[in-house]
């Protein structure tokens, strides 16, 4: 019953007929046409044979003892499941009602007695084409279904990753209320909030062009920049400049982010707002007056750094004032007649709200009453920020995300990895992260990683594992080398690799000293640092160390290596 075989293979055909002579005639004819044939004397035998070995096409006599062809057809169709197995009834019946019953039982066609070889061959070929077409369509359907499931699963995973990056920050603060309803797994709208080290908070509301996964891709770097810079004390204007520059560099032409940056200072009772392309916001004073927060800028990612204006509009506030900001999905929410909620209805919802009703609840109720059960046509995000006394937000500033500030310039650390961890864990990412704490080294991460990687590889492979680079003189030996490397890693014990890192600032930049020691017996490093080895399979790593480092020294037969890496401010700035 394997449809995965070649389309050119002989067909497996099952014949069920209680007439020995008719079965013999058909069997002989079909075998001469190149097909494999099995036969049964009644419907029950036919069902048993099909259950055991299957068939591509079944020829059934309509009238048979024990079990007739019509009942056998029901069973065979059930056993075939989604696979198309053409059923052709062999009959001398001429009564229309009897023929209809054969079709209703699952039959696909008829062959009348006596048999005509040309007609039989034509019908077999026609049904085989139909069978193959059905199989192809089923395979394509299954591929599409599996691909859709895979894409959905991947999007769910990516969503979880995105949500970890674009975390809630302080969106759960008592003075913030929001509604966010994506049209798909991903949301083209973004809403981030983060406390500032000096007090207060910054909030970013954004709407990328489009929705779903393409629109959400740009949100990930925006979240990283927003939370990272805000937690370090950067102003909203500084954060906007960085985001605008990043989006201008990574987004394709025609894609941008309408956004509003809100910098709230509860000590000064002040809002600073930048609105670039979002609908006008509304500042609802505690006496009920409405004040417009107009969009005065182009969206993020449109203008270059030289033309981008990050100036923020200042609003004096009092405790009890509430700011409403929204994406265009709020105003464009449609009812069943295709009319939009719009700015006028939003303002009426605010003006007609009951005493004691919050502006947020009034707008949400207005949208729901207007749209009814009509599905949303766009991502919808609504934010309400209430100005409160600073004392009411005690503890919010403690939710600052952990983000590295200016790292230490003068430091020394030792890191040692031992025994089984040598084969299970790579210390390189951690060591690189330590080095990147020095701001001046962040643009040199590629070279720093190369230094650490080559030192660790030599210490592990030649020092601890005792592998010989001579094996890598040929392609076959290269494969043997890494196969032996994996085998020895499984049994390594009583060994260590120790890194000692030191950094100090100099007048022109800084100096990073890396010492790598291993517990092995050493190796002949001199033969692997000759110029002649540069084009071989071995030796190039140590030559690279010499080129990158200011100095490279081996001690204790190669089991201790020290490299000094000098960097300069001019080189960093030029990159």
Protein backbone atom coordinates (compact mmCIF):
# COMPACT_ATOMS: atom_id res chain seq x y z
CA UNK A 1 0.00 0.00 0.00
CA UNK A 2 2.99 2.29 -0.55
CA UNK A 3 2.20 5.14 -2.93
CA UNK A 4 5.75 6.47 -2.63
CA UNK A 5 7.01 4.02 -5.26
CA UNK A 6 7.87 5.16 -8.77
CA UNK A 7 4.98 6.14 -11.04
CA UNK A 8 6.41 3.81 -13.71
CA UNK A 9 6.10 0.65 -11.63
CA UNK A 10 3.51 -2.02 -12.57
CA UNK A 11 0.08 -1.45 -11.05
CA UNK A 12 -1.21 -3.81 -8.35
CA UNK A 13 -4.70 -4.85 -9.44
CA UNK A 14 -7.13 -6.92 -7.38
CA UNK A 15 -9.84 -8.94 -9.19
CA UNK A 16 -12.86 -10.32 -7.32
CA UNK A 17 -15.20 -12.58 -9.35
CA UNK A 18 -16.89 -15.86 -8.50
CA UNK A 19 -16.48 -17.06 -12.10
CA UNK A 20 -13.20 -18.94 -12.49
CA UNK A 21 -13.18 -18.46 -16.25
CA UNK A 22 -13.85 -14.70 -16.04
CA UNK A 23 -11.11 -14.28 -13.42
CA UNK A 24 -8.65 -16.21 -15.58
CA UNK A 25 -9.46 -14.14 -18.66
CA UNK A 26 -9.01 -10.85 -16.80
CA UNK A 27 -5.89 -12.00 -14.96
CA UNK A 28 -4.23 -13.12 -18.20
CA UNK A 29 -5.19 -9.92 -20.01
CA UNK A 30 -3.92 -7.62 -17.25
CA UNK A 31 -0.67 -9.51 -16.78
CA UNK A 32 0.01 -9.20 -20.50
CA UNK A 33 -0.42 -5.44 -20.03
CA UNK A 34 2.41 -5.59 -17.46
CA UNK A 35 0.44 -5.36 -14.21
CA UNK A 36 0.65 -7.41 -11.01
CA UNK A 37 -2.63 -9.20 -10.33
CA UNK A 38 -4.22 -10.86 -7.30
CA UNK A 39 -7.64 -12.51 -7.45
CA UNK A 40 -10.44 -13.47 -5.07
CA UNK A 41 -13.55 -15.67 -5.48
CA UNK A 42 -15.85 -13.45 -3.40
CA UNK A 43 -16.07 -10.10 -1.68
CA UNK A 44 -14.88 -11.37 1.67
CA UNK A 45 -11.65 -12.76 0.19
CA UNK A 46 -11.18 -9.49 -1.71
CA UNK A 47 -11.42 -7.43 1.50
CA UNK A 48 -8.94 -9.72 3.28
CA UNK A 49 -6.43 -9.51 0.41
CA UNK A 50 -6.78 -5.74 0.23
CA UNK A 51 -6.28 -5.46 3.98
CA UNK A 52 -3.01 -7.43 3.77
CA UNK A 53 -1.37 -6.22 0.56
CA UNK A 54 -3.48 -3.38 -0.77
CA UNK A 55 -4.05 -2.60 -4.44
CA UNK A 56 -3.92 0.37 -6.77
CA UNK A 57 -7.13 -0.56 -8.62
CA UNK A 58 -9.87 -3.04 -7.69
CA UNK A 59 -12.14 -4.88 -10.19
CA UNK A 60 -15.26 -6.19 -8.42
CA UNK A 61 -18.03 -8.40 -9.68
CA UNK A 62 -21.30 -6.91 -8.50
CA UNK A 63 -22.96 -10.26 -7.72
CA UNK A 64 -20.88 -12.75 -5.69
CA UNK A 65 -21.57 -15.30 -2.94
CA UNK A 66 -20.59 -14.79 0.75
CA UNK A 67 -20.18 -11.02 0.25
CA UNK A 68 -21.28 -9.21 -2.90
CA UNK A 69 -19.30 -6.52 -4.66
CA UNK A 70 -21.30 -3.62 -3.25
CA UNK A 71 -20.65 -4.57 0.37
CA UNK A 72 -16.99 -5.32 -0.42
CA UNK A 73 -16.69 -1.85 -1.99
CA UNK A 74 -17.79 -0.21 1.29
CA UNK A 75 -15.11 -2.11 3.24
CA UNK A 76 -12.34 -1.46 0.70
CA UNK A 77 -13.09 2.28 0.56
CA UNK A 78 -12.95 2.43 4.37
CA UNK A 79 -9.61 0.58 4.42
CA UNK A 80 -8.17 2.85 1.72
CA UNK A 81 -8.87 5.97 3.82
CA UNK A 82 -7.73 9.13 2.04
CA UNK A 83 -5.89 7.17 -0.65
CA UNK A 84 -7.76 7.02 -3.95
CA UNK A 85 -8.33 3.38 -4.97
CA UNK A 86 -10.53 3.27 -8.10
CA UNK A 87 -13.26 0.61 -7.92
CA UNK A 88 -14.50 -0.74 -11.26
CA UNK A 89 -17.52 -3.02 -11.16
CA UNK A 90 -17.57 -6.07 -13.43
CA UNK A 91 -21.16 -6.62 -14.39
CA UNK A 92 -23.58 -7.92 -16.94
CA UNK A 93 -26.32 -5.89 -15.29
CA UNK A 94 -28.24 -3.53 -17.52
CA UNK A 95 -30.84 -2.34 -15.02
CA UNK A 96 -30.28 1.36 -14.27
CA UNK A 97 -31.24 1.04 -10.61
CA UNK A 98 -28.73 -1.79 -10.09
CA UNK A 99 -25.98 0.26 -11.73
CA UNK A 100 -26.82 3.25 -9.53
CA UNK A 101 -26.50 1.07 -6.43
CA UNK A 102 -23.02 0.08 -7.56
CA UNK A 103 -22.01 3.75 -7.82
CA UNK A 104 -23.58 4.58 -4.46
CA UNK A 105 -21.57 1.75 -2.91
CA UNK A 106 -18.36 3.50 -3.94
CA UNK A 107 -17.90 2.32 -7.49
CA UNK A 108 -16.16 4.62 -9.95
CA UNK A 109 -16.99 2.92 -13.26
CA UNK A 110 -18.18 -0.28 -14.97
CA UNK A 111 -16.76 -2.96 -17.22
CA UNK A 112 -19.40 -4.96 -19.01
CA UNK A 113 -19.07 -8.59 -19.97
CA UNK A 114 -17.73 -9.85 -22.34
CA UNK A 115 -14.51 -7.86 -21.86
CA UNK A 116 -12.83 -5.74 -24.52
CA UNK A 117 -9.03 -5.53 -24.14
CA UNK A 118 -8.76 -2.03 -25.64
CA UNK A 119 -11.47 -0.60 -23.36
CA UNK A 120 -9.96 -2.29 -20.29
CA UNK A 121 -6.51 -0.87 -21.06
CA UNK A 122 -7.91 2.62 -21.67
CA UNK A 123 -9.90 2.62 -18.42
CA UNK A 124 -6.99 1.26 -16.38
CA UNK A 125 -4.71 3.99 -17.77
CA UNK A 126 -7.31 6.71 -17.18
CA UNK A 127 -7.92 5.70 -13.59
CA UNK A 128 -4.19 5.41 -12.97
CA UNK A 129 -3.75 9.02 -14.11
CA UNK A 130 -6.56 10.02 -11.78
CA UNK A 131 -4.99 8.05 -8.93
CA UNK A 132 -1.59 9.67 -9.45
CA UNK A 133 -3.14 13.14 -9.68
CA UNK A 134 -5.03 12.54 -6.44
CA UNK A 135 -1.85 11.35 -4.76
CA UNK A 136 0.04 14.45 -5.94
CA UNK A 137 -2.70 16.77 -4.70
CA UNK A 138 -2.80 14.95 -1.36
CA UNK A 139 0.97 15.24 -1.00
CA UNK A 140 0.84 18.96 -1.80
CA UNK A 141 -2.02 19.42 0.66
CA UNK A 142 -0.02 17.63 3.36
CA UNK A 143 3.07 19.69 2.58
CA UNK A 144 1.08 22.92 2.79
CA UNK A 145 -0.54 21.80 6.04
CA UNK A 146 2.81 20.79 7.54
CA UNK A 147 4.44 23.99 6.33
CA UNK A 148 1.63 26.09 7.78
CA UNK A 149 1.93 24.26 11.10
CA UNK A 150 5.70 24.75 11.07
CA UNK A 151 5.36 28.46 10.29
CA UNK A 152 2.80 28.86 13.06
CA UNK A 153 5.06 27.08 15.54
CA UNK A 154 8.04 29.20 14.45
CA UNK A 155 6.00 32.36 14.85
CA UNK A 156 4.89 31.28 18.31
CA UNK A 157 8.54 30.71 19.29
CA UNK A 158 9.59 34.00 17.75
CA UNK A 159 6.74 35.71 19.59
CA UNK A 160 7.98 34.36 22.91
CA UNK A 161 11.48 35.60 22.09
CA UNK A 162 10.08 38.98 21.10
CA UNK A 163 8.02 39.22 24.28
CA UNK A 164 11.12 38.51 26.35
CA UNK A 165 12.88 41.37 24.59
CA UNK A 166 9.89 43.72 24.51
CA UNK A 167 9.02 42.99 28.13
CA UNK A 168 6.33 44.85 30.04
CA UNK A 169 8.80 47.12 31.80
CA UNK A 170 6.57 49.24 34.01
CA UNK A 171 3.36 48.93 31.97
CA UNK A 172 1.80 47.39 35.07
CA UNK A 173 2.36 50.57 37.07
CA UNK A 174 -0.86 51.72 38.81
CA UNK A 175 -1.13 54.90 36.74
CA UNK A 176 -0.96 53.13 33.35
CA UNK A 177 -3.81 51.42 31.54
CA UNK A 178 -3.59 50.05 28.04
CA UNK A 179 -5.31 47.89 25.46
CA UNK A 180 -3.37 46.06 22.73
CA UNK A 181 -5.12 43.70 20.32
CA UNK A 182 -3.00 42.31 17.49
CA UNK A 183 -4.64 41.06 14.29
CA UNK A 184 -2.25 38.09 14.14
CA UNK A 185 0.31 36.27 16.28
CA UNK A 186 2.60 39.24 15.89
CA UNK A 187 1.64 42.86 16.37
CA UNK A 188 2.74 45.75 14.21
CA UNK A 189 2.00 48.02 17.16
CA UNK A 190 4.52 48.44 19.96
CA UNK A 191 4.06 49.69 23.51
CA UNK A 192 7.03 49.94 25.85
CA UNK A 193 7.36 51.60 29.25
CA UNK A 194 10.44 51.93 31.41
CA UNK A 195 11.22 53.82 34.63
CA UNK A 196 14.03 56.35 34.47
CA UNK A 197 16.91 56.22 36.96
CA UNK A 198 16.27 59.81 37.98
CA UNK A 199 12.57 59.17 38.53
CA UNK A 200 9.54 59.23 36.28
CA UNK A 201 9.18 57.05 33.23
CA UNK A 202 9.42 56.95 29.47
CA UNK A 203 6.79 55.35 27.25
CA UNK A 204 6.96 54.56 23.55
CA UNK A 205 3.82 53.92 21.47
CA UNK A 206 4.51 52.82 17.91
CA UNK A 207 2.82 51.52 14.79
CA UNK A 208 4.91 49.94 12.05
CA UNK A 209 3.58 49.93 8.50
CA UNK A 210 1.64 46.72 7.93
CA UNK A 211 1.01 44.13 10.61
CA UNK A 212 2.01 40.61 11.55
CA UNK A 213 5.55 39.25 11.40
CA UNK A 214 7.06 41.72 8.87
CA UNK A 215 5.89 44.68 10.94
CA UNK A 216 7.03 43.11 14.21
CA UNK A 217 10.59 42.46 13.02
CA UNK A 218 11.52 46.12 13.42
CA UNK A 219 10.09 46.18 16.94
CA UNK A 220 12.86 44.00 18.37
CA UNK A 221 15.75 46.45 17.89
CA UNK A 222 13.44 49.29 18.97
CA UNK A 223 12.76 47.48 22.26
CA UNK A 224 16.47 46.85 22.86
CA UNK A 225 17.36 50.50 22.25
CA UNK A 226 14.44 51.88 24.24
CA UNK A 227 14.97 49.80 27.37
CA UNK A 228 18.76 49.89 27.22
CA UNK A 229 19.05 53.66 26.82
CA UNK A 230 16.17 54.61 29.11
CA UNK A 231 17.55 52.51 31.95
CA UNK A 232 20.89 54.30 31.58
CA UNK A 233 19.25 57.71 31.96
CA UNK A 234 19.15 58.87 28.35
CA UNK A 235 16.46 61.40 27.55
CA UNK A 236 13.54 60.67 25.25
CA UNK A 237 15.16 62.78 22.53
CA UNK A 238 18.38 60.76 22.69
CA UNK A 239 16.43 57.50 22.49
CA UNK A 240 14.44 58.78 19.51
CA UNK A 241 17.60 59.73 17.61
CA UNK A 242 19.10 56.29 18.15
CA UNK A 243 15.91 54.48 17.15
CA UNK A 244 15.43 56.65 14.08
CA UNK A 245 18.99 56.00 12.93
CA UNK A 246 18.63 52.25 13.52
CA UNK A 247 15.33 51.97 11.68
CA UNK A 248 16.60 54.09 8.81
CA UNK A 249 19.45 51.62 8.41
CA UNK A 250 17.56 48.31 8.70
CA UNK A 251 14.06 48.94 7.33
CA UNK A 252 13.34 48.56 3.60
CA UNK A 253 12.17 51.56 1.61
CA UNK A 254 8.54 52.36 2.32
CA UNK A 255 8.54 50.85 5.79
CA UNK A 256 8.64 53.09 8.86
CA UNK A 257 7.27 53.44 12.37
CA UNK A 258 4.72 56.03 13.42
CA UNK A 259 5.49 56.66 17.07
CA UNK A 260 5.03 58.80 20.14
CA UNK A 261 7.64 59.17 22.88
CA UNK A 262 6.35 60.25 26.28
CA UNK A 263 8.68 61.39 29.04
CA UNK A 264 6.76 61.78 32.29
CA UNK A 265 8.23 63.63 35.26
CA UNK A 266 5.97 63.25 38.29
CA UNK A 267 8.21 65.36 40.52
CA UNK A 268 8.00 68.37 38.18
CA UNK A 269 4.43 67.53 37.07
CA UNK A 270 5.49 67.68 33.47
CA UNK A 271 5.05 65.71 30.25
CA UNK A 272 7.41 65.89 27.30
CA UNK A 273 5.87 64.40 24.20
CA UNK A 274 7.12 63.72 20.67
CA UNK A 275 4.45 62.61 18.19
CA UNK A 276 5.59 61.43 14.78
CA UNK A 277 2.78 60.15 12.58
CA UNK A 278 0.40 58.74 15.21
CA UNK A 279 -3.13 60.15 15.56
CA UNK A 280 -3.34 63.25 17.71
CA UNK A 281 -3.30 62.38 21.40
CA UNK A 282 -5.62 63.90 23.97
CA UNK A 283 -4.60 65.34 27.33
CA UNK A 284 -7.67 65.24 29.56
CA UNK A 285 -7.36 67.75 32.37
CA UNK A 286 -8.83 66.78 35.70
CA UNK A 287 -11.46 69.54 35.24
CA UNK A 288 -12.64 67.77 32.03
CA UNK A 289 -10.97 70.10 29.50
CA UNK A 290 -9.46 68.37 26.45
CA UNK A 291 -6.12 69.43 24.98
CA UNK A 292 -4.76 68.09 21.70
CA UNK A 293 -1.31 66.51 21.48
CA UNK A 294 -0.72 67.03 17.79
CA UNK A 295 1.52 64.99 15.50
CA UNK A 296 4.24 67.43 14.43
CA UNK A 297 6.91 65.09 13.08
CA UNK A 298 7.47 62.46 10.41
CA UNK A 299 7.56 58.81 11.50
CA UNK A 300 10.74 57.12 12.69
CA UNK A 301 12.97 55.69 10.00
CA UNK A 302 12.04 58.25 7.33
CA UNK A 303 14.57 61.08 7.79
CA UNK A 304 18.32 60.83 8.10
CA UNK A 305 20.11 61.83 11.30
CA UNK A 306 20.94 65.33 10.02
CA UNK A 307 17.30 66.21 9.27
CA UNK A 308 15.63 64.35 12.14
CA UNK A 309 14.04 66.60 14.78
CA UNK A 310 13.84 64.95 18.19
CA UNK A 311 12.55 68.06 19.98
CA UNK A 312 9.80 67.23 22.47
CA UNK A 313 6.77 69.37 23.30
CA UNK A 314 6.42 70.24 27.01
CA UNK A 315 3.05 70.06 28.80
CA UNK A 316 2.60 71.26 32.36
CA UNK A 317 0.31 68.95 34.25
CA UNK A 318 -1.29 68.30 37.62
CA UNK A 319 -2.03 65.04 39.42
CA UNK A 320 -5.28 63.69 37.98
CA UNK A 321 -4.57 64.77 34.40
CA UNK A 322 -4.66 61.83 31.93
CA UNK A 323 -2.89 61.45 28.61
CA UNK A 324 -4.44 59.27 25.91
CA UNK A 325 -2.27 58.11 23.01
CA UNK A 326 -3.32 55.60 20.38
CA UNK A 327 -2.46 53.97 17.08
CA UNK A 328 -4.62 54.51 14.02
CA UNK A 329 -6.42 51.21 14.63
CA UNK A 330 -8.48 53.01 17.29
CA UNK A 331 -9.83 55.72 14.99
CA UNK A 332 -10.18 53.32 12.04
CA UNK A 333 -12.21 50.72 13.96
CA UNK A 334 -15.21 49.92 11.73
CA UNK A 335 -18.79 48.96 12.38
CA UNK A 336 -20.77 46.50 10.24
CA UNK A 337 -21.64 49.29 7.78
CA UNK A 338 -17.98 50.12 7.15
CA UNK A 339 -18.03 53.47 9.00
CA UNK A 340 -15.01 54.37 11.13
CA UNK A 341 -15.04 55.30 14.82
CA UNK A 342 -13.08 58.46 14.09
CA UNK A 343 -11.80 61.40 16.08
CA UNK A 344 -15.22 63.03 16.57
CA UNK A 345 -16.72 59.95 18.20
CA UNK A 346 -13.63 59.57 20.39
CA UNK A 347 -14.02 63.11 21.68
CA UNK A 348 -17.73 62.60 22.27
CA UNK A 349 -16.93 59.47 24.27
CA UNK A 350 -14.65 61.58 26.46
CA UNK A 351 -17.00 64.54 26.78
CA UNK A 352 -20.08 62.43 27.54
CA UNK A 353 -18.47 60.10 30.05
CA UNK A 354 -20.08 59.67 33.43
CA UNK A 355 -18.65 61.39 36.47
CA UNK A 356 -16.04 59.13 37.98
CA UNK A 357 -15.56 57.16 34.75
CA UNK A 358 -11.96 57.05 33.56
CA UNK A 359 -11.10 58.36 30.08
CA UNK A 360 -9.70 54.93 29.19
CA UNK A 361 -12.92 53.11 30.08
CA UNK A 362 -15.01 55.71 28.27
CA UNK A 363 -13.10 55.29 25.00
CA UNK A 364 -13.02 51.49 25.18
CA UNK A 365 -16.78 51.40 25.84
CA UNK A 366 -17.34 53.78 22.94
CA UNK A 367 -15.35 51.59 20.55
CA UNK A 368 -17.14 48.41 21.59
CA UNK A 369 -20.56 50.02 21.33
CA UNK A 370 -19.73 51.36 17.87
CA UNK A 371 -18.15 48.27 16.33
CA UNK A 372 -20.27 45.61 17.99
CA UNK A 373 -18.95 42.19 16.98
CA UNK A 374 -17.27 43.49 13.84
CA UNK A 375 -13.70 42.05 13.65
CA UNK A 376 -10.86 44.53 13.95
CA UNK A 377 -9.34 45.67 10.66
CA UNK A 378 -6.01 46.76 12.10
CA UNK A 379 -3.81 46.40 15.17
CA UNK A 380 -5.38 48.46 17.97
CA UNK A 381 -3.39 50.01 20.81
CA UNK A 382 -4.72 52.54 23.33
CA UNK A 383 -2.69 53.95 26.22
CA UNK A 384 -3.84 56.02 29.19
CA UNK A 385 -1.20 57.58 31.44
CA UNK A 386 -2.44 59.32 34.57
CA UNK A 387 -0.28 61.93 36.21
CA UNK A 388 0.08 61.16 39.91
CA UNK A 389 2.16 62.25 42.85
CA UNK A 390 5.67 60.85 42.80
CA UNK A 391 5.09 59.17 46.14
CA UNK A 392 2.30 57.07 44.58
CA UNK A 393 4.85 55.27 42.39
CA UNK A 394 7.25 54.10 45.06
CA UNK A 395 9.00 50.94 43.89
CA UNK A 396 8.42 51.44 40.17
CA UNK A 397 11.98 52.64 39.63
CA UNK A 398 13.25 49.36 41.08
CA UNK A 399 11.98 47.60 37.95
CA UNK A 400 14.78 48.98 35.81
CA UNK A 401 15.97 46.21 33.45
CA UNK A 402 19.48 44.94 34.05
CA UNK A 403 21.57 46.68 31.45
CA UNK A 404 25.31 47.32 31.52
CA UNK A 405 26.37 50.94 31.97
CA UNK A 406 29.91 52.15 31.33
CA UNK A 407 32.08 49.13 32.15
CA UNK A 408 35.26 49.24 34.24
CA UNK A 409 38.39 50.43 32.50
CA UNK A 410 40.95 48.88 34.86
CA UNK A 411 40.26 45.27 35.81
CA UNK A 412 41.69 41.81 36.24
CA UNK A 413 39.85 38.48 36.27
CA UNK A 414 40.61 34.76 36.21
CA UNK A 415 38.30 32.17 34.71
CA UNK A 416 38.97 28.42 34.76
CA UNK A 417 37.03 25.62 33.10
CA UNK A 418 37.66 22.04 34.19
CA UNK A 419 37.18 18.34 33.42
CA UNK A 420 33.94 17.35 31.72
CA UNK A 421 32.98 20.96 31.14
CA UNK A 422 35.78 21.15 28.60
CA UNK A 423 33.72 18.97 26.30
CA UNK A 424 30.31 20.35 27.20
CA UNK A 425 30.69 24.10 27.57
CA UNK A 426 32.40 26.86 25.62
CA UNK A 427 33.64 29.74 27.79
CA UNK A 428 34.16 32.03 24.78
CA UNK A 429 30.81 33.91 24.91
CA UNK A 430 31.29 34.69 28.60
CA UNK A 431 34.89 35.81 28.13
CA UNK A 432 33.92 37.99 25.19
CA UNK A 433 31.13 39.57 27.23
CA UNK A 434 33.58 40.43 29.99
CA UNK A 435 35.87 42.15 27.50
CA UNK A 436 32.97 44.02 25.89
CA UNK A 437 32.26 45.74 29.19
CA UNK A 438 34.98 48.15 28.10
CA UNK A 439 33.13 50.54 25.74
CA UNK A 440 36.17 51.11 23.57
CA UNK A 441 36.48 47.39 22.87
CA UNK A 442 32.90 46.87 21.69
CA UNK A 443 33.73 47.69 18.10
CA UNK A 444 36.68 45.30 18.23
CA UNK A 445 34.57 42.29 19.22
CA UNK A 446 35.51 40.32 16.09
CA UNK A 447 39.24 40.54 16.79
CA UNK A 448 38.83 39.87 20.50
CA UNK A 449 36.74 36.77 19.80
CA UNK A 450 39.37 35.53 17.33
CA UNK A 451 42.10 35.87 19.95
CA UNK A 452 40.10 34.05 22.61
CA UNK A 453 38.97 31.35 20.22
CA UNK A 454 42.42 30.55 18.87
CA UNK A 455 43.95 30.46 22.33
CA UNK A 456 41.22 28.19 23.65
CA UNK A 457 41.36 25.89 20.62
CA UNK A 458 45.12 25.42 20.87
CA UNK A 459 44.97 24.84 24.63
CA UNK A 460 42.15 22.30 24.29
CA UNK A 461 43.22 20.39 21.19
CA UNK A 462 47.03 20.37 21.54
CA UNK A 463 47.50 20.89 25.27
CA UNK A 464 44.68 18.96 26.95
CA UNK A 465 43.74 16.45 24.24
CA UNK A 466 47.23 16.01 22.83
CA UNK A 467 46.15 16.02 19.20
CA UNK A 468 48.78 16.36 16.51
CA UNK A 469 48.36 18.94 13.78
CA UNK A 470 50.31 16.66 11.46
CA UNK A 471 47.06 14.79 10.92
CA UNK A 472 45.61 17.87 9.25
CA UNK A 473 48.18 17.77 6.46
CA UNK A 474 45.64 16.09 4.19
CA UNK A 475 41.85 16.26 3.80
CA UNK A 476 41.49 12.67 5.04
CA UNK A 477 43.67 13.41 8.03
CA UNK A 478 41.59 16.50 8.71
CA UNK A 479 38.49 14.34 9.17
CA UNK A 480 40.42 11.88 11.33
CA UNK A 481 41.67 14.77 13.48
CA UNK A 482 38.17 15.99 14.39
CA UNK A 483 36.79 12.50 14.85
CA UNK A 484 39.56 11.79 17.37
CA UNK A 485 38.94 15.18 18.97
CA UNK A 486 35.32 14.27 19.71
CA UNK A 487 36.31 10.85 21.04
CA UNK A 488 38.90 12.23 23.46
CA UNK A 489 36.54 14.94 24.69
CA UNK A 490 34.20 12.25 25.97
CA UNK A 491 36.82 10.93 28.41
CA UNK A 492 38.78 14.01 29.43
CA UNK A 493 39.40 14.20 33.22
CA UNK A 494 41.76 15.97 35.63
CA UNK A 495 42.41 18.82 33.22
CA UNK A 496 41.74 22.52 33.12
CA UNK A 497 42.09 25.60 30.91
CA UNK A 498 42.55 28.89 32.72
CA UNK A 499 42.17 32.37 31.28
CA UNK A 500 43.61 35.40 33.04
CA UNK A 501 42.38 38.69 31.60
CA UNK A 502 43.69 42.15 32.49
CA UNK A 503 42.77 45.50 31.05
CA UNK A 504 44.25 48.93 31.59
CA UNK A 505 43.77 52.27 29.90
CA UNK A 506 46.60 54.01 28.07
CA UNK A 507 46.94 57.52 26.77
CA UNK A 508 45.77 56.51 23.29
CA UNK A 509 43.32 53.76 24.17
CA UNK A 510 43.80 50.62 26.20
CA UNK A 511 45.68 47.36 26.57
CA UNK A 512 44.11 43.94 27.03
CA UNK A 513 46.40 41.16 28.22
CA UNK A 514 45.19 37.58 27.83
CA UNK A 515 46.97 34.64 29.44
CA UNK A 516 45.76 31.15 28.57
CA UNK A 517 47.08 28.18 30.56
CA UNK A 518 46.26 24.50 30.26
CA UNK A 519 47.08 21.40 32.28
CA UNK A 520 48.52 19.51 29.31
CA UNK A 521 52.15 18.64 28.66
CA UNK A 522 52.56 21.32 26.02
CA UNK A 523 53.10 21.12 22.27
CA UNK A 524 55.67 22.15 19.70
CA UNK A 525 54.29 25.55 18.84
CA UNK A 526 57.33 26.67 16.88
CA UNK A 527 56.73 24.37 13.92
CA UNK A 528 53.19 25.73 13.58
CA UNK A 529 54.17 29.37 13.39
CA UNK A 530 56.42 29.18 10.36
CA UNK A 531 55.38 31.18 7.32
CA UNK A 532 55.41 28.04 5.24
CA UNK A 533 52.42 26.63 7.06
CA UNK A 534 50.08 29.46 6.11
CA UNK A 535 48.67 27.58 3.14
CA UNK A 536 48.29 24.24 4.95
CA UNK A 537 45.57 22.84 7.14
CA UNK A 538 47.37 23.75 10.36
CA UNK A 539 49.38 26.60 11.85
CA UNK A 540 47.28 29.46 10.54
CA UNK A 541 45.62 30.09 13.93
CA UNK A 542 48.90 30.85 15.67
CA UNK A 543 49.99 33.06 12.80
CA UNK A 544 46.73 34.97 13.18
CA UNK A 545 47.48 35.48 16.87
CA UNK A 546 50.83 37.01 15.96
CA UNK A 547 49.20 39.36 13.47
CA UNK A 548 46.45 40.57 15.82
CA UNK A 549 48.43 40.82 19.04
CA UNK A 550 51.08 43.36 19.95
CA UNK A 551 53.13 40.50 21.39
CA UNK A 552 52.72 36.73 21.66
CA UNK A 553 54.78 34.67 24.10
CA UNK A 554 54.77 30.93 24.84
CA UNK A 555 55.94 29.51 28.15
CA UNK A 556 56.24 26.04 29.65
CA UNK A 557 56.45 24.23 26.30
CA UNK A 558 53.33 25.92 24.98
CA UNK A 559 51.02 25.22 27.91
CA UNK A 560 51.03 28.92 28.85
CA UNK A 561 50.43 31.58 26.21
CA UNK A 562 50.34 35.31 26.76
CA UNK A 563 49.14 37.81 24.20
CA UNK A 564 48.97 41.60 24.54
CA UNK A 565 46.31 43.37 22.49
CA UNK A 566 46.60 47.16 22.14
CA UNK A 567 43.69 49.24 20.90
CA UNK A 568 43.51 52.94 20.14
CA UNK A 569 40.70 55.47 20.27
CA UNK A 570 41.43 56.61 16.71
CA UNK A 571 41.00 53.06 15.37
CA UNK A 572 37.72 52.59 17.25
CA UNK A 573 36.32 55.92 16.11
CA UNK A 574 37.25 55.21 12.50
CA UNK A 575 35.20 52.01 12.39
